[in-house]
Amino acid sequence: MVGSESVPELLELLLSTLLAAGLTVSGAVIEQAAFADLSGGFSMFAIWEVYMGLVLLYAGYTLGTRRVLPAFGSA
């Protein structure tokens, strides 16, 4: 049986994993949209999409490497 202290830690790990995956997938989708927009010509909206996609990819990577992967490594 899982101790009562482990349940919140497991819930935090689950939410962190889902958030990291969601940020990474969102960043990848936005990057695809940005490259599709850039193929039609230069626009400030496409540049903004590239920037936001990179921010989301970086956030997902950082969350994954600082919270999720160390938790799986110690299991």
PDB file of N, CA and C in Angstrom:
ATOM      1  N   MET A   1       0.840  -1.192   0.000  1.00  0.00           N
ATOM      2  CA  MET A   1       0.000   0.000   0.000  1.00  0.00           C
ATOM      3  C   MET A   1       0.880   1.249   0.000  1.00  0.00           C
ATOM      4  N   VAL A   2       0.457   2.238  -0.729  1.00  0.00           N
ATOM      5  CA  VAL A   2       1.200   3.482  -0.855  1.00  0.00           C
ATOM      6  C   VAL A   2       0.941   4.327   0.383  1.00  0.00           C
ATOM      7  N   GLY A   3       2.009   4.854   0.982  1.00  0.00           N
ATOM      8  CA  GLY A   3       1.859   5.702   2.160  1.00  0.00           C
ATOM      9  C   GLY A   3       1.191   7.013   1.816  1.00  0.00           C
ATOM     10  N   SER A   4       0.626   7.654   2.823  1.00  0.00           N
ATOM     11  CA  SER A   4      -0.096   8.904   2.576  1.00  0.00           C
ATOM     12  C   SER A   4       0.836  10.016   2.098  1.00  0.00           C
ATOM     13  N   GLU A   5       2.128   9.944   2.439  1.00  0.00           N
ATOM     14  CA  GLU A   5       3.080  10.944   1.969  1.00  0.00           C
ATOM     15  C   GLU A   5       3.404  10.753   0.490  1.00  0.00           C
ATOM     16  N   SER A   6       3.277   9.547  -0.009  1.00  0.00           N
ATOM     17  CA  SER A   6       3.626   9.268  -1.395  1.00  0.00           C
ATOM     18  C   SER A   6       2.543   9.688  -2.375  1.00  0.00           C
ATOM     19  N   VAL A   7       1.301   9.725  -1.942  1.00  0.00           N
ATOM     20  CA  VAL A   7       0.201  10.071  -2.851  1.00  0.00           C
ATOM     21  C   VAL A   7       0.347  11.488  -3.405  1.00  0.00           C
ATOM     22  N   PRO A   8       0.597  12.509  -2.574  1.00  0.00           N
ATOM     23  CA  PRO A   8       0.785  13.849  -3.150  1.00  0.00           C
ATOM     24  C   PRO A   8       2.007  13.930  -4.065  1.00  0.00           C
ATOM     25  N   GLU A   9       3.069  13.209  -3.722  1.00  0.00           N
ATOM     26  CA  GLU A   9       4.256  13.220  -4.575  1.00  0.00           C
ATOM     27  C   GLU A   9       3.967  12.571  -5.922  1.00  0.00           C
ATOM     28  N   LEU A  10       3.216  11.479  -5.926  1.00  0.00           N
ATOM     29  CA  LEU A  10       2.849  10.826  -7.179  1.00  0.00           C
ATOM     30  C   LEU A  10       1.928  11.705  -8.009  1.00  0.00           C
ATOM     31  N   LEU A  11       1.007  12.391  -7.341  1.00  0.00           N
ATOM     32  CA  LEU A  11       0.099  13.298  -8.045  1.00  0.00           C
ATOM     33  C   LEU A  11       0.879  14.460  -8.664  1.00  0.00           C
ATOM     34  N   GLU A  12       1.841  14.998  -7.915  1.00  0.00           N
ATOM     35  CA  GLU A  12       2.669  16.080  -8.448  1.00  0.00           C
ATOM     36  C   GLU A  12       3.489  15.603  -9.647  1.00  0.00           C
ATOM     37  N   LEU A  13       4.022  14.393  -9.551  1.00  0.00           N
ATOM     38  CA  LEU A  13       4.795  13.842 -10.666  1.00  0.00           C
ATOM     39  C   LEU A  13       3.910  13.622 -11.888  1.00  0.00           C
ATOM     40  N   LEU A  14       2.711  13.116 -11.685  1.00  0.00           N
ATOM     41  CA  LEU A  14       1.777  12.910 -12.791  1.00  0.00           C
ATOM     42  C   LEU A  14       1.419  14.227 -13.457  1.00  0.00           C
ATOM     43  N   LEU A  15       1.104  15.233 -12.658  1.00  0.00           N
ATOM     44  CA  LEU A  15       0.744  16.536 -13.224  1.00  0.00           C
ATOM     45  C   LEU A  15       1.931  17.192 -13.927  1.00  0.00           C
ATOM     46  N   SER A  16       3.122  17.054 -13.347  1.00  0.00           N
ATOM     47  CA  SER A  16       4.314  17.608 -13.992  1.00  0.00           C
ATOM     48  C   SER A  16       4.585  16.924 -15.321  1.00  0.00           C
ATOM     49  N   THR A  17       4.393  15.603 -15.366  1.00  0.00           N
ATOM     50  CA  THR A  17       4.601  14.857 -16.605  1.00  0.00           C
ATOM     51  C   THR A  17       3.601  15.290 -17.673  1.00  0.00           C
ATOM     52  N   LEU A  18       2.343  15.404 -17.286  1.00  0.00           N
ATOM     53  CA  LEU A  18       1.314  15.832 -18.239  1.00  0.00           C
ATOM     54  C   LEU A  18       1.561  17.258 -18.723  1.00  0.00           C
ATOM     55  N   LEU A  19       1.971  18.129 -17.822  1.00  0.00           N
ATOM     56  CA  LEU A  19       2.237  19.518 -18.205  1.00  0.00           C
ATOM     57  C   LEU A  19       3.440  19.604 -19.139  1.00  0.00           C
ATOM     58  N   ALA A  20       4.503  18.868 -18.830  1.00  0.00           N
ATOM     59  CA  ALA A  20       5.681  18.877 -19.702  1.00  0.00           C
ATOM     60  C   ALA A  20       5.330  18.345 -21.089  1.00  0.00           C
ATOM     61  N   ALA A  21       4.559  17.277 -21.139  1.00  0.00           N
ATOM     62  CA  ALA A  21       4.153  16.720 -22.432  1.00  0.00           C
ATOM     63  C   ALA A  21       3.258  17.703 -23.184  1.00  0.00           C
ATOM     64  N   GLY A  22       2.325  18.321 -22.488  1.00  0.00           N
ATOM     65  CA  GLY A  22       1.424  19.286 -23.123  1.00  0.00           C
ATOM     66  C   GLY A  22       2.163  20.503 -23.665  1.00  0.00           C
ATOM     67  N   LEU A  23       3.121  21.016 -22.895  1.00  0.00           N
ATOM     68  CA  LEU A  23       3.905  22.154 -23.359  1.00  0.00           C
ATOM     69  C   LEU A  23       4.736  21.794 -24.586  1.00  0.00           C
ATOM     70  N   THR A  24       5.326  20.617 -24.560  1.00  0.00           N
ATOM     71  CA  THR A  24       6.165  20.189 -25.678  1.00  0.00           C
ATOM     72  C   THR A  24       5.343  19.972 -26.939  1.00  0.00           C
ATOM     73  N   VAL A  25       4.212  19.316 -26.815  1.00  0.00           N
ATOM     74  CA  VAL A  25       3.356  19.075 -27.983  1.00  0.00           C
ATOM     75  C   VAL A  25       2.808  20.400 -28.514  1.00  0.00           C
ATOM     76  N   SER A  26       2.381  21.284 -27.622  1.00  0.00           N
ATOM     77  CA  SER A  26       1.881  22.594 -28.055  1.00  0.00           C
ATOM     78  C   SER A  26       2.962  23.382 -28.782  1.00  0.00           C
ATOM     79  N   GLY A  27       4.180  23.348 -28.245  1.00  0.00           N
ATOM     80  CA  GLY A  27       5.284  24.040 -28.897  1.00  0.00           C
ATOM     81  C   GLY A  27       5.565  23.493 -30.282  1.00  0.00           C
ATOM     82  N   ALA A  28       5.521  22.168 -30.415  1.00  0.00           N
ATOM     83  CA  ALA A  28       5.770  21.550 -31.725  1.00  0.00           C
ATOM     84  C   ALA A  28       4.680  21.914 -32.726  1.00  0.00           C
ATOM     85  N   VAL A  29       3.437  21.935 -32.286  1.00  0.00           N
ATOM     86  CA  VAL A  29       2.323  22.288 -33.178  1.00  0.00           C
ATOM     87  C   VAL A  29       2.433  23.749 -33.608  1.00  0.00           C
ATOM     88  N   ILE A  30       2.777  24.615 -32.678  1.00  0.00           N
ATOM     89  CA  ILE A  30       2.916  26.035 -33.019  1.00  0.00           C
ATOM     90  C   ILE A  30       4.088  26.238 -33.971  1.00  0.00           C
ATOM     91  N   GLU A  31       5.177  25.503 -33.763  1.00  0.00           N
ATOM     92  CA  GLU A  31       6.312  25.607 -34.688  1.00  0.00           C
ATOM     93  C   GLU A  31       5.921  25.162 -36.095  1.00  0.00           C
ATOM     94  N   GLN A  32       5.145  24.092 -36.198  1.00  0.00           N
ATOM     95  CA  GLN A  32       4.678  23.651 -37.522  1.00  0.00           C
ATOM     96  C   GLN A  32       3.836  24.725 -38.187  1.00  0.00           C
ATOM     97  N   ALA A  33       2.951  25.343 -37.417  1.00  0.00           N
ATOM     98  CA  ALA A  33       2.113  26.412 -37.968  1.00  0.00           C
ATOM     99  C   ALA A  33       2.976  27.596 -38.389  1.00  0.00           C
ATOM    100  N   ALA A  34       3.994  27.896 -37.603  1.00  0.00           N
ATOM    101  CA  ALA A  34       4.871  29.020 -37.929  1.00  0.00           C
ATOM    102  C   ALA A  34       5.620  28.762 -39.230  1.00  0.00           C
ATOM    103  N   PHE A  35       6.146  27.554 -39.396  1.00  0.00           N
ATOM    104  CA  PHE A  35       6.874  27.251 -40.630  1.00  0.00           C
ATOM    105  C   PHE A  35       5.940  27.249 -41.834  1.00  0.00           C
ATOM    106  N   ALA A  36       4.701  26.824 -41.645  1.00  0.00           N
ATOM    107  CA  ALA A  36       3.730  26.887 -42.741  1.00  0.00           C
ATOM    108  C   ALA A  36       3.435  28.342 -43.104  1.00  0.00           C
ATOM    109  N   ASP A  37       3.298  29.202 -42.092  1.00  0.00           N
ATOM    110  CA  ASP A  37       3.065  30.624 -42.360  1.00  0.00           C
ATOM    111  C   ASP A  37       4.277  31.282 -43.011  1.00  0.00           C
ATOM    112  N   LEU A  38       5.479  30.912 -42.566  1.00  0.00           N
ATOM    113  CA  LEU A  38       6.688  31.491 -43.144  1.00  0.00           C
ATOM    114  C   LEU A  38       6.912  31.045 -44.583  1.00  0.00           C
ATOM    115  N   SER A  39       6.420  29.862 -44.939  1.00  0.00           N
ATOM    116  CA  SER A  39       6.592  29.403 -46.319  1.00  0.00           C
ATOM    117  C   SER A  39       5.769  30.256 -47.290  1.00  0.00           C
ATOM    118  N   GLY A  40       4.750  30.906 -46.777  1.00  0.00           N
ATOM    119  CA  GLY A  40       3.934  31.787 -47.610  1.00  0.00           C
ATOM    120  C   GLY A  40       4.488  33.189 -47.703  1.00  0.00           C
ATOM    121  N   GLY A  41       5.498  33.485 -46.917  1.00  0.00           N
ATOM    122  CA  GLY A  41       6.089  34.818 -46.924  1.00  0.00           C
ATOM    123  C   GLY A  41       6.319  35.308 -45.513  1.00  0.00           C
ATOM    124  N   PHE A  42       7.163  36.305 -45.390  1.00  0.00           N
ATOM    125  CA  PHE A  42       7.524  36.872 -44.099  1.00  0.00           C
ATOM    126  C   PHE A  42       6.345  37.643 -43.515  1.00  0.00           C
ATOM    127  N   SER A  43       6.045  37.358 -42.243  1.00  0.00           N
ATOM    128  CA  SER A  43       5.023  38.144 -41.537  1.00  0.00           C
ATOM    129  C   SER A  43       5.394  38.192 -40.057  1.00  0.00           C
ATOM    130  N   MET A  44       4.974  39.234 -39.402  1.00  0.00           N
ATOM    131  CA  MET A  44       5.268  39.379 -37.980  1.00  0.00           C
ATOM    132  C   MET A  44       4.541  38.310 -37.166  1.00  0.00           C
ATOM    133  N   PHE A  45       3.371  37.885 -37.623  1.00  0.00           N
ATOM    134  CA  PHE A  45       2.651  36.833 -36.915  1.00  0.00           C
ATOM    135  C   PHE A  45       3.428  35.526 -36.948  1.00  0.00           C
ATOM    136  N   ALA A  46       4.033  35.207 -38.078  1.00  0.00           N
ATOM    137  CA  ALA A  46       4.829  33.977 -38.180  1.00  0.00           C
ATOM    138  C   ALA A  46       6.046  34.041 -37.269  1.00  0.00           C
ATOM    139  N   ILE A  47       6.677  35.202 -37.184  1.00  0.00           N
ATOM    140  CA  ILE A  47       7.827  35.371 -36.289  1.00  0.00           C
ATOM    141  C   ILE A  47       7.377  35.206 -34.838  1.00  0.00           C
ATOM    142  N   TRP A  48       6.228  35.766 -34.497  1.00  0.00           N
ATOM    143  CA  TRP A  48       5.679  35.612 -33.148  1.00  0.00           C
ATOM    144  C   TRP A  48       5.392  34.136 -32.853  1.00  0.00           C
ATOM    145  N   GLU A  49       4.857  33.420 -33.840  1.00  0.00           N
ATOM    146  CA  GLU A  49       4.604  31.989 -33.655  1.00  0.00           C
ATOM    147  C   GLU A  49       5.900  31.212 -33.420  1.00  0.00           C
ATOM    148  N   VAL A  50       6.933  31.542 -34.152  1.00  0.00           N
ATOM    149  CA  VAL A  50       8.228  30.879 -33.949  1.00  0.00           C
ATOM    150  C   VAL A  50       8.708  31.119 -32.522  1.00  0.00           C
ATOM    151  N   TYR A  51       8.635  32.361 -32.078  1.00  0.00           N
ATOM    152  CA  TYR A  51       9.069  32.703 -30.724  1.00  0.00           C
ATOM    153  C   TYR A  51       8.259  31.948 -29.670  1.00  0.00           C
ATOM    154  N   MET A  52       6.949  31.968 -29.791  1.00  0.00           N
ATOM    155  CA  MET A  52       6.105  31.306 -28.793  1.00  0.00           C
ATOM    156  C   MET A  52       6.299  29.789 -28.812  1.00  0.00           C
ATOM    157  N   GLY A  53       6.491  29.219 -29.986  1.00  0.00           N
ATOM    158  CA  GLY A  53       6.758  27.787 -30.070  1.00  0.00           C
ATOM    159  C   GLY A  53       8.042  27.418 -29.363  1.00  0.00           C
ATOM    160  N   LEU A  54       9.083  28.232 -29.566  1.00  0.00           N
ATOM    161  CA  LEU A  54      10.352  27.980 -28.890  1.00  0.00           C
ATOM    162  C   LEU A  54      10.227  28.127 -27.376  1.00  0.00           C
ATOM    163  N   VAL A  55       9.461  29.109 -26.925  1.00  0.00           N
ATOM    164  CA  VAL A  55       9.252  29.291 -25.490  1.00  0.00           C
ATOM    165  C   VAL A  55       8.556  28.065 -24.889  1.00  0.00           C
ATOM    166  N   LEU A  56       7.531  27.572 -25.568  1.00  0.00           N
ATOM    167  CA  LEU A  56       6.814  26.394 -25.063  1.00  0.00           C
ATOM    168  C   LEU A  56       7.692  25.140 -25.090  1.00  0.00           C
ATOM    169  N   LEU A  57       8.466  24.971 -26.150  1.00  0.00           N
ATOM    170  CA  LEU A  57       9.376  23.831 -26.213  1.00  0.00           C
ATOM    171  C   LEU A  57      10.405  23.890 -25.090  1.00  0.00           C
ATOM    172  N   TYR A  58      10.943  25.072 -24.837  1.00  0.00           N
ATOM    173  CA  TYR A  58      11.924  25.228 -23.765  1.00  0.00           C
ATOM    174  C   TYR A  58      11.288  24.966 -22.392  1.00  0.00           C
ATOM    175  N   ALA A  59      10.077  25.457 -22.184  1.00  0.00           N
ATOM    176  CA  ALA A  59       9.397  25.230 -20.906  1.00  0.00           C
ATOM    177  C   ALA A  59       9.126  23.742 -20.686  1.00  0.00           C
ATOM    178  N   GLY A  60       8.683  23.052 -21.716  1.00  0.00           N
ATOM    179  CA  GLY A  60       8.446  21.616 -21.593  1.00  0.00           C
ATOM    180  C   GLY A  60       9.723  20.846 -21.334  1.00  0.00           C
ATOM    181  N   TYR A  61      10.798  21.225 -22.026  1.00  0.00           N
ATOM    182  CA  TYR A  61      12.092  20.574 -21.824  1.00  0.00           C
ATOM    183  C   TYR A  61      12.607  20.812 -20.401  1.00  0.00           C
ATOM    184  N   THR A  62      12.532  22.044 -19.946  1.00  0.00           N
ATOM    185  CA  THR A  62      13.024  22.383 -18.620  1.00  0.00           C
ATOM    186  C   THR A  62      12.237  21.658 -17.539  1.00  0.00           C
ATOM    187  N   LEU A  63      10.931  21.655 -17.649  1.00  0.00           N
ATOM    188  CA  LEU A  63      10.105  20.954 -16.661  1.00  0.00           C
ATOM    189  C   LEU A  63      10.401  19.461 -16.681  1.00  0.00           C
ATOM    190  N   GLY A  64      10.554  18.914 -17.858  1.00  0.00           N
ATOM    191  CA  GLY A  64      10.829  17.485 -17.970  1.00  0.00           C
ATOM    192  C   GLY A  64      12.176  17.085 -17.401  1.00  0.00           C
ATOM    193  N   THR A  65      13.186  17.903 -17.652  1.00  0.00           N
ATOM    194  CA  THR A  65      14.530  17.533 -17.194  1.00  0.00           C
ATOM    195  C   THR A  65      14.781  17.872 -15.734  1.00  0.00           C
ATOM    196  N   ARG A  66      14.065  18.836 -15.193  1.00  0.00           N
ATOM    197  CA  ARG A  66      14.311  19.229 -13.801  1.00  0.00           C
ATOM    198  C   ARG A  66      13.371  18.576 -12.806  1.00  0.00           C
ATOM    199  N   ARG A  67      12.194  18.139 -13.240  1.00  0.00           N
ATOM    200  CA  ARG A  67      11.244  17.537 -12.300  1.00  0.00           C
ATOM    201  C   ARG A  67      10.925  16.087 -12.621  1.00  0.00           C
ATOM    202  N   VAL A  68      10.634  15.812 -13.878  1.00  0.00           N
ATOM    203  CA  VAL A  68      10.117  14.490 -14.243  1.00  0.00           C
ATOM    204  C   VAL A  68      11.237  13.457 -14.314  1.00  0.00           C
ATOM    205  N   LEU A  69      12.268  13.712 -15.087  1.00  0.00           N
ATOM    206  CA  LEU A  69      13.344  12.728 -15.247  1.00  0.00           C
ATOM    207  C   LEU A  69      14.070  12.392 -13.946  1.00  0.00           C
ATOM    208  N   PRO A  70      14.385  13.372 -13.082  1.00  0.00           N
ATOM    209  CA  PRO A  70      15.024  12.997 -11.813  1.00  0.00           C
ATOM    210  C   PRO A  70      14.139  12.108 -10.936  1.00  0.00           C
ATOM    211  N   ALA A  71      12.843  12.297 -10.989  1.00  0.00           N
ATOM    212  CA  ALA A  71      11.930  11.459 -10.195  1.00  0.00           C
ATOM    213  C   ALA A  71      11.931  10.025 -10.691  1.00  0.00           C
ATOM    214  N   PHE A  72      12.021   9.839 -12.015  1.00  0.00           N
ATOM    215  CA  PHE A  72      12.068   8.491 -12.555  1.00  0.00           C
ATOM    216  C   PHE A  72      13.437   7.854 -12.324  1.00  0.00           C
ATOM    217  N   GLY A  73      14.464   8.671 -12.282  1.00  0.00           N
ATOM    218  CA  GLY A  73      15.809   8.160 -12.042  1.00  0.00           C
ATOM    219  C   GLY A  73      15.999   7.654 -10.627  1.00  0.00           C
ATOM    220  N   SER A  74      15.261   8.236  -9.670  1.00  0.00           N
ATOM    221  CA  SER A  74      15.403   7.817  -8.267  1.00  0.00           C
ATOM    222  C   SER A  74      14.465   6.669  -7.914  1.00  0.00           C
ATOM    223  N   ALA A  75      13.591   6.279  -8.830  1.00  0.00           N
ATOM    224  CA  ALA A  75      12.633   5.196  -8.533  1.00  0.00           C
ATOM    225  C   ALA A  75      13.290   3.841  -8.586  1.00  0.00           C
TER     226      ALA A  75
END
